[in-house]
N, C-alpha and C. Protein backbone atom coordinates (compact mmCIF):
# COMPACT_ATOMS: atom_id res chain seq x y z
N MET A 1 21.55 -4.80 -8.41
CA MET A 1 20.52 -4.30 -9.32
C MET A 1 19.98 -5.45 -10.15
N LEU A 2 18.68 -5.49 -10.32
CA LEU A 2 18.06 -6.54 -11.11
C LEU A 2 18.20 -6.25 -12.60
N GLN A 3 18.41 -7.30 -13.35
CA GLN A 3 18.44 -7.17 -14.79
C GLN A 3 17.02 -7.35 -15.31
N PRO A 4 16.48 -6.35 -16.00
CA PRO A 4 15.10 -6.44 -16.45
C PRO A 4 14.78 -7.70 -17.23
N SER A 5 15.71 -8.20 -18.03
CA SER A 5 15.43 -9.39 -18.82
C SER A 5 15.25 -10.63 -17.96
N LEU A 6 15.83 -10.64 -16.76
CA LEU A 6 15.70 -11.80 -15.88
C LEU A 6 14.44 -11.73 -15.01
N PHE A 7 13.98 -10.54 -14.68
CA PHE A 7 12.85 -10.37 -13.78
C PHE A 7 11.88 -9.32 -14.33
N PRO A 8 11.29 -9.54 -15.50
CA PRO A 8 10.42 -8.51 -16.07
C PRO A 8 9.21 -8.20 -15.20
N GLU A 9 8.68 -9.18 -14.48
CA GLU A 9 7.52 -8.92 -13.62
C GLU A 9 7.87 -7.98 -12.47
N THR A 10 9.11 -8.04 -11.97
CA THR A 10 9.55 -7.15 -10.91
C THR A 10 9.68 -5.73 -11.46
N GLU A 11 10.31 -5.60 -12.58
CA GLU A 11 10.49 -4.29 -13.18
C GLU A 11 9.13 -3.66 -13.48
N ASN A 12 8.21 -4.39 -14.01
CA ASN A 12 6.90 -3.86 -14.35
C ASN A 12 6.12 -3.44 -13.12
N ALA A 13 6.14 -4.23 -12.07
CA ALA A 13 5.41 -3.88 -10.85
C ALA A 13 5.97 -2.61 -10.22
N VAL A 14 7.27 -2.51 -10.17
CA VAL A 14 7.91 -1.34 -9.57
C VAL A 14 7.64 -0.11 -10.43
N THR A 15 7.78 -0.23 -11.73
CA THR A 15 7.53 0.88 -12.64
C THR A 15 6.07 1.34 -12.54
N ARG A 16 5.17 0.38 -12.51
CA ARG A 16 3.74 0.69 -12.39
C ARG A 16 3.45 1.40 -11.07
N ALA A 17 4.06 0.93 -9.98
CA ALA A 17 3.85 1.56 -8.66
C ALA A 17 4.35 3.00 -8.68
N LYS A 18 5.51 3.25 -9.27
CA LYS A 18 6.05 4.60 -9.33
C LYS A 18 5.12 5.52 -10.12
N ARG A 19 4.59 5.02 -11.22
CA ARG A 19 3.73 5.84 -12.07
C ARG A 19 2.40 6.14 -11.37
N ILE A 20 1.76 5.14 -10.81
CA ILE A 20 0.45 5.33 -10.19
C ILE A 20 0.54 6.14 -8.91
N LEU A 21 1.55 5.87 -8.09
CA LEU A 21 1.71 6.60 -6.83
C LEU A 21 2.35 7.98 -7.04
N LYS A 22 2.81 8.23 -8.28
CA LYS A 22 3.43 9.51 -8.63
C LYS A 22 4.63 9.82 -7.74
N VAL A 23 5.52 8.83 -7.61
CA VAL A 23 6.75 9.00 -6.84
C VAL A 23 7.93 8.63 -7.72
N ASN A 24 9.10 9.12 -7.36
CA ASN A 24 10.30 8.85 -8.15
C ASN A 24 10.89 7.48 -7.87
N SER A 25 10.62 6.95 -6.69
CA SER A 25 11.23 5.68 -6.29
C SER A 25 10.25 4.92 -5.41
N VAL A 26 10.19 3.62 -5.62
CA VAL A 26 9.43 2.74 -4.73
C VAL A 26 10.47 1.82 -4.10
N ARG A 27 10.92 2.21 -2.92
CA ARG A 27 11.97 1.44 -2.25
C ARG A 27 11.50 1.11 -0.84
N PHE A 28 11.23 -0.15 -0.65
CA PHE A 28 10.86 -0.63 0.67
C PHE A 28 12.14 -0.88 1.45
N ASP A 29 12.02 -1.10 2.76
CA ASP A 29 13.19 -1.39 3.57
C ASP A 29 12.78 -2.27 4.74
N GLY A 30 13.76 -2.63 5.53
CA GLY A 30 13.52 -3.47 6.70
C GLY A 30 14.61 -4.51 6.85
N PRO A 31 14.69 -5.12 8.01
CA PRO A 31 15.78 -6.04 8.29
C PRO A 31 15.78 -7.31 7.44
N VAL A 32 14.64 -7.74 6.94
CA VAL A 32 14.61 -8.96 6.13
C VAL A 32 14.21 -8.68 4.69
N TYR A 33 14.21 -7.41 4.31
CA TYR A 33 13.85 -7.02 2.95
C TYR A 33 14.99 -7.33 1.98
N VAL A 34 14.66 -8.07 0.92
CA VAL A 34 15.61 -8.37 -0.15
C VAL A 34 14.91 -8.01 -1.46
N PRO A 35 15.36 -6.94 -2.13
CA PRO A 35 14.67 -6.47 -3.33
C PRO A 35 14.37 -7.57 -4.36
N ARG A 36 15.31 -8.44 -4.58
CA ARG A 36 15.15 -9.49 -5.58
C ARG A 36 13.93 -10.36 -5.29
N TYR A 37 13.63 -10.57 -4.02
CA TYR A 37 12.51 -11.42 -3.64
C TYR A 37 11.24 -10.63 -3.32
N ASP A 38 11.40 -9.40 -2.85
CA ASP A 38 10.27 -8.68 -2.26
C ASP A 38 9.70 -7.54 -3.09
N ASP A 39 10.46 -6.97 -4.02
CA ASP A 39 9.99 -5.79 -4.74
C ASP A 39 8.66 -5.99 -5.46
N ALA A 40 8.55 -7.03 -6.25
CA ALA A 40 7.32 -7.25 -7.03
C ALA A 40 6.13 -7.48 -6.11
N ARG A 41 6.31 -8.29 -5.09
CA ARG A 41 5.21 -8.61 -4.16
C ARG A 41 4.76 -7.35 -3.42
N LEU A 42 5.70 -6.60 -2.85
CA LEU A 42 5.34 -5.41 -2.07
C LEU A 42 4.80 -4.29 -2.96
N SER A 43 5.36 -4.14 -4.15
CA SER A 43 4.85 -3.12 -5.08
C SER A 43 3.42 -3.45 -5.49
N GLY A 44 3.16 -4.73 -5.73
CA GLY A 44 1.79 -5.15 -6.06
C GLY A 44 0.83 -4.91 -4.91
N GLN A 45 1.27 -5.22 -3.69
CA GLN A 45 0.42 -5.00 -2.52
C GLN A 45 0.07 -3.53 -2.35
N ILE A 46 1.07 -2.67 -2.40
CA ILE A 46 0.79 -1.25 -2.15
C ILE A 46 -0.12 -0.68 -3.24
N LEU A 47 0.03 -1.16 -4.47
CA LEU A 47 -0.86 -0.70 -5.54
C LEU A 47 -2.29 -1.18 -5.33
N ARG A 48 -2.44 -2.45 -4.94
CA ARG A 48 -3.80 -2.96 -4.71
C ARG A 48 -4.48 -2.21 -3.58
N VAL A 49 -3.76 -1.96 -2.49
CA VAL A 49 -4.33 -1.23 -1.36
C VAL A 49 -4.65 0.21 -1.78
N TYR A 50 -3.73 0.85 -2.47
CA TYR A 50 -3.96 2.22 -2.92
C TYR A 50 -5.18 2.30 -3.85
N ASN A 51 -5.28 1.38 -4.78
CA ASN A 51 -6.39 1.40 -5.73
C ASN A 51 -7.74 1.24 -5.04
N VAL A 52 -7.79 0.45 -3.98
CA VAL A 52 -9.03 0.30 -3.22
C VAL A 52 -9.32 1.55 -2.41
N MET A 53 -8.29 2.12 -1.81
CA MET A 53 -8.48 3.22 -0.86
C MET A 53 -8.57 4.60 -1.50
N ARG A 54 -8.13 4.76 -2.73
CA ARG A 54 -8.09 6.10 -3.32
C ARG A 54 -9.45 6.73 -3.52
N SER A 55 -10.51 5.96 -3.40
CA SER A 55 -11.87 6.51 -3.51
C SER A 55 -12.21 7.41 -2.33
N GLY A 56 -11.46 7.27 -1.23
CA GLY A 56 -11.74 8.07 -0.05
C GLY A 56 -12.83 7.51 0.84
N GLU A 57 -13.31 6.31 0.52
CA GLU A 57 -14.34 5.67 1.35
C GLU A 57 -13.71 5.05 2.60
N TRP A 58 -14.48 5.01 3.67
CA TRP A 58 -14.04 4.34 4.89
C TRP A 58 -14.15 2.84 4.69
N ARG A 59 -13.07 2.10 5.05
CA ARG A 59 -13.06 0.64 4.91
C ARG A 59 -12.30 0.00 6.08
N THR A 60 -12.77 -1.15 6.49
CA THR A 60 -12.05 -1.93 7.50
C THR A 60 -10.97 -2.75 6.79
N LEU A 61 -10.04 -3.29 7.56
CA LEU A 61 -9.02 -4.17 6.98
C LEU A 61 -9.66 -5.35 6.28
N ASP A 62 -10.73 -5.88 6.86
CA ASP A 62 -11.42 -7.02 6.25
C ASP A 62 -12.05 -6.65 4.91
N GLU A 63 -12.60 -5.46 4.81
CA GLU A 63 -13.18 -5.01 3.54
C GLU A 63 -12.10 -4.81 2.48
N ILE A 64 -10.97 -4.31 2.88
CA ILE A 64 -9.84 -4.16 1.94
C ILE A 64 -9.36 -5.55 1.52
N HIS A 65 -9.23 -6.45 2.48
CA HIS A 65 -8.81 -7.82 2.20
C HIS A 65 -9.75 -8.50 1.20
N PHE A 66 -11.05 -8.27 1.34
CA PHE A 66 -12.04 -8.89 0.46
C PHE A 66 -11.78 -8.53 -1.00
N VAL A 67 -11.32 -7.30 -1.23
CA VAL A 67 -11.05 -6.84 -2.60
C VAL A 67 -9.66 -7.26 -3.07
N THR A 68 -8.64 -7.12 -2.20
CA THR A 68 -7.25 -7.35 -2.62
C THR A 68 -6.78 -8.77 -2.42
N ASN A 69 -7.38 -9.47 -1.48
CA ASN A 69 -6.96 -10.82 -1.06
C ASN A 69 -5.58 -10.83 -0.41
N ASP A 70 -5.11 -9.67 0.01
CA ASP A 70 -3.84 -9.58 0.72
C ASP A 70 -4.08 -9.83 2.21
N PRO A 71 -3.07 -10.34 2.94
CA PRO A 71 -3.22 -10.56 4.38
C PRO A 71 -3.45 -9.25 5.12
N HIS A 72 -4.22 -9.32 6.20
CA HIS A 72 -4.55 -8.14 6.98
C HIS A 72 -3.30 -7.39 7.45
N ALA A 73 -2.29 -8.12 7.92
CA ALA A 73 -1.06 -7.48 8.40
C ALA A 73 -0.36 -6.74 7.26
N SER A 74 -0.40 -7.29 6.06
CA SER A 74 0.22 -6.63 4.91
C SER A 74 -0.55 -5.38 4.53
N ILE A 75 -1.87 -5.43 4.60
CA ILE A 75 -2.68 -4.26 4.30
C ILE A 75 -2.37 -3.14 5.28
N SER A 76 -2.30 -3.49 6.55
CA SER A 76 -1.98 -2.51 7.59
C SER A 76 -0.61 -1.89 7.33
N ALA A 77 0.36 -2.71 6.96
CA ALA A 77 1.71 -2.21 6.67
C ALA A 77 1.69 -1.27 5.47
N GLN A 78 0.93 -1.62 4.43
CA GLN A 78 0.89 -0.78 3.24
C GLN A 78 0.17 0.54 3.53
N LEU A 79 -0.83 0.52 4.39
CA LEU A 79 -1.46 1.79 4.80
C LEU A 79 -0.44 2.68 5.49
N ARG A 80 0.41 2.09 6.34
CA ARG A 80 1.47 2.88 6.99
C ARG A 80 2.46 3.41 5.95
N HIS A 81 2.81 2.58 4.96
CA HIS A 81 3.74 3.03 3.92
C HIS A 81 3.16 4.21 3.15
N LEU A 82 1.86 4.16 2.85
CA LEU A 82 1.25 5.23 2.06
C LEU A 82 1.31 6.58 2.77
N ARG A 83 1.51 6.58 4.07
CA ARG A 83 1.68 7.84 4.83
C ARG A 83 3.05 8.47 4.58
N LYS A 84 4.03 7.64 4.24
CA LYS A 84 5.40 8.12 4.08
C LYS A 84 5.54 8.95 2.80
N LYS A 85 6.36 9.99 2.90
CA LYS A 85 6.60 10.87 1.75
C LYS A 85 7.06 10.08 0.53
N LYS A 86 7.92 9.09 0.73
CA LYS A 86 8.46 8.36 -0.42
C LYS A 86 7.41 7.49 -1.11
N PHE A 87 6.23 7.32 -0.50
CA PHE A 87 5.14 6.58 -1.12
C PHE A 87 3.93 7.48 -1.36
N GLY A 88 4.16 8.79 -1.41
CA GLY A 88 3.11 9.72 -1.76
C GLY A 88 2.69 10.66 -0.64
N GLY A 89 3.02 10.34 0.61
CA GLY A 89 2.69 11.20 1.73
C GLY A 89 1.20 11.43 1.91
N HIS A 90 0.43 10.38 1.72
CA HIS A 90 -1.02 10.49 1.85
C HIS A 90 -1.44 10.50 3.32
N GLN A 91 -2.57 11.11 3.58
CA GLN A 91 -3.13 11.09 4.93
C GLN A 91 -4.03 9.87 5.06
N ILE A 92 -3.77 9.05 6.07
CA ILE A 92 -4.61 7.89 6.36
C ILE A 92 -5.33 8.18 7.67
N GLU A 93 -6.64 8.29 7.59
CA GLU A 93 -7.44 8.53 8.80
C GLU A 93 -7.93 7.18 9.34
N LYS A 94 -8.11 7.15 10.64
CA LYS A 94 -8.54 5.92 11.32
C LYS A 94 -9.60 6.30 12.35
N ARG A 95 -10.66 5.51 12.41
CA ARG A 95 -11.69 5.74 13.41
C ARG A 95 -12.35 4.40 13.76
N PRO A 96 -12.93 4.31 14.95
CA PRO A 96 -13.62 3.08 15.31
C PRO A 96 -14.90 2.92 14.48
N ARG A 97 -15.22 1.70 14.16
CA ARG A 97 -16.51 1.42 13.52
C ARG A 97 -17.38 0.71 14.56
N GLY A 98 -18.51 1.30 14.83
CA GLY A 98 -19.39 0.73 15.83
C GLY A 98 -18.87 1.03 17.23
N ASP A 99 -19.24 0.17 18.16
CA ASP A 99 -18.86 0.34 19.57
C ASP A 99 -17.35 0.16 19.71
N ARG A 100 -16.68 1.17 20.24
CA ARG A 100 -15.21 1.17 20.40
C ARG A 100 -14.71 -0.04 21.18
N VAL A 101 -15.53 -0.57 22.08
CA VAL A 101 -15.13 -1.69 22.91
C VAL A 101 -14.82 -2.94 22.08
N HIS A 102 -15.35 -3.02 20.85
CA HIS A 102 -15.11 -4.19 20.00
C HIS A 102 -13.78 -4.14 19.26
N GLY A 103 -13.16 -2.96 19.21
CA GLY A 103 -11.83 -2.83 18.61
C GLY A 103 -11.80 -2.91 17.10
N LEU A 104 -12.93 -2.65 16.45
CA LEU A 104 -12.96 -2.66 14.98
C LEU A 104 -12.73 -1.24 14.48
N PHE A 105 -11.76 -1.07 13.58
CA PHE A 105 -11.44 0.24 13.05
C PHE A 105 -11.61 0.25 11.53
N GLU A 106 -11.84 1.44 11.03
CA GLU A 106 -11.92 1.63 9.58
C GLU A 106 -10.96 2.76 9.21
N TYR A 107 -10.55 2.74 7.95
CA TYR A 107 -9.51 3.64 7.46
C TYR A 107 -9.99 4.34 6.20
N ARG A 108 -9.46 5.55 5.99
CA ARG A 108 -9.77 6.31 4.79
C ARG A 108 -8.49 6.98 4.32
N LEU A 109 -8.25 6.94 3.03
CA LEU A 109 -7.08 7.59 2.44
C LEU A 109 -7.50 8.91 1.83
N LEU A 110 -6.80 9.97 2.20
CA LEU A 110 -6.94 11.25 1.53
C LEU A 110 -5.65 11.46 0.74
N ARG A 111 -5.76 11.49 -0.55
CA ARG A 111 -4.56 11.61 -1.39
C ARG A 111 -3.84 12.91 -1.09
N SER A 112 -2.52 12.88 -1.19
CA SER A 112 -1.68 14.01 -0.77
C SER A 112 -2.08 15.32 -1.43
N HIS A 113 -2.53 15.29 -2.66
CA HIS A 113 -2.92 16.54 -3.32
C HIS A 113 -4.29 17.03 -2.84
N GLU A 114 -5.02 16.21 -2.06
CA GLU A 114 -6.33 16.60 -1.53
C GLU A 114 -6.24 17.12 -0.11
N VAL A 115 -5.09 16.92 0.56
CA VAL A 115 -4.95 17.29 1.96
C VAL A 115 -4.66 18.76 2.09
């Protein structure tokens, strides 16, 4: 467990994520996940992605990146996290933008209370 006095930025990011996402816990996981190193970064990422997407507008990964400055792979991962019950259970819709042959997709978040 982190001591708040040693890592106040981690505690604040996690607390802020819990409040904004309206969840009891913001706990990421994975084989290389280490809370001490990853909590603040991942909590910040999910909040930035959520704040951009909560408008319900369709956006490509590049458009989200333009606002958040997060890597495309991280944005994609956070969109997947936002689908999980522990991160709010939001519906993330996906559709092609333009000609499907080009492989460009856009995403829209429908907040769990709107679904």
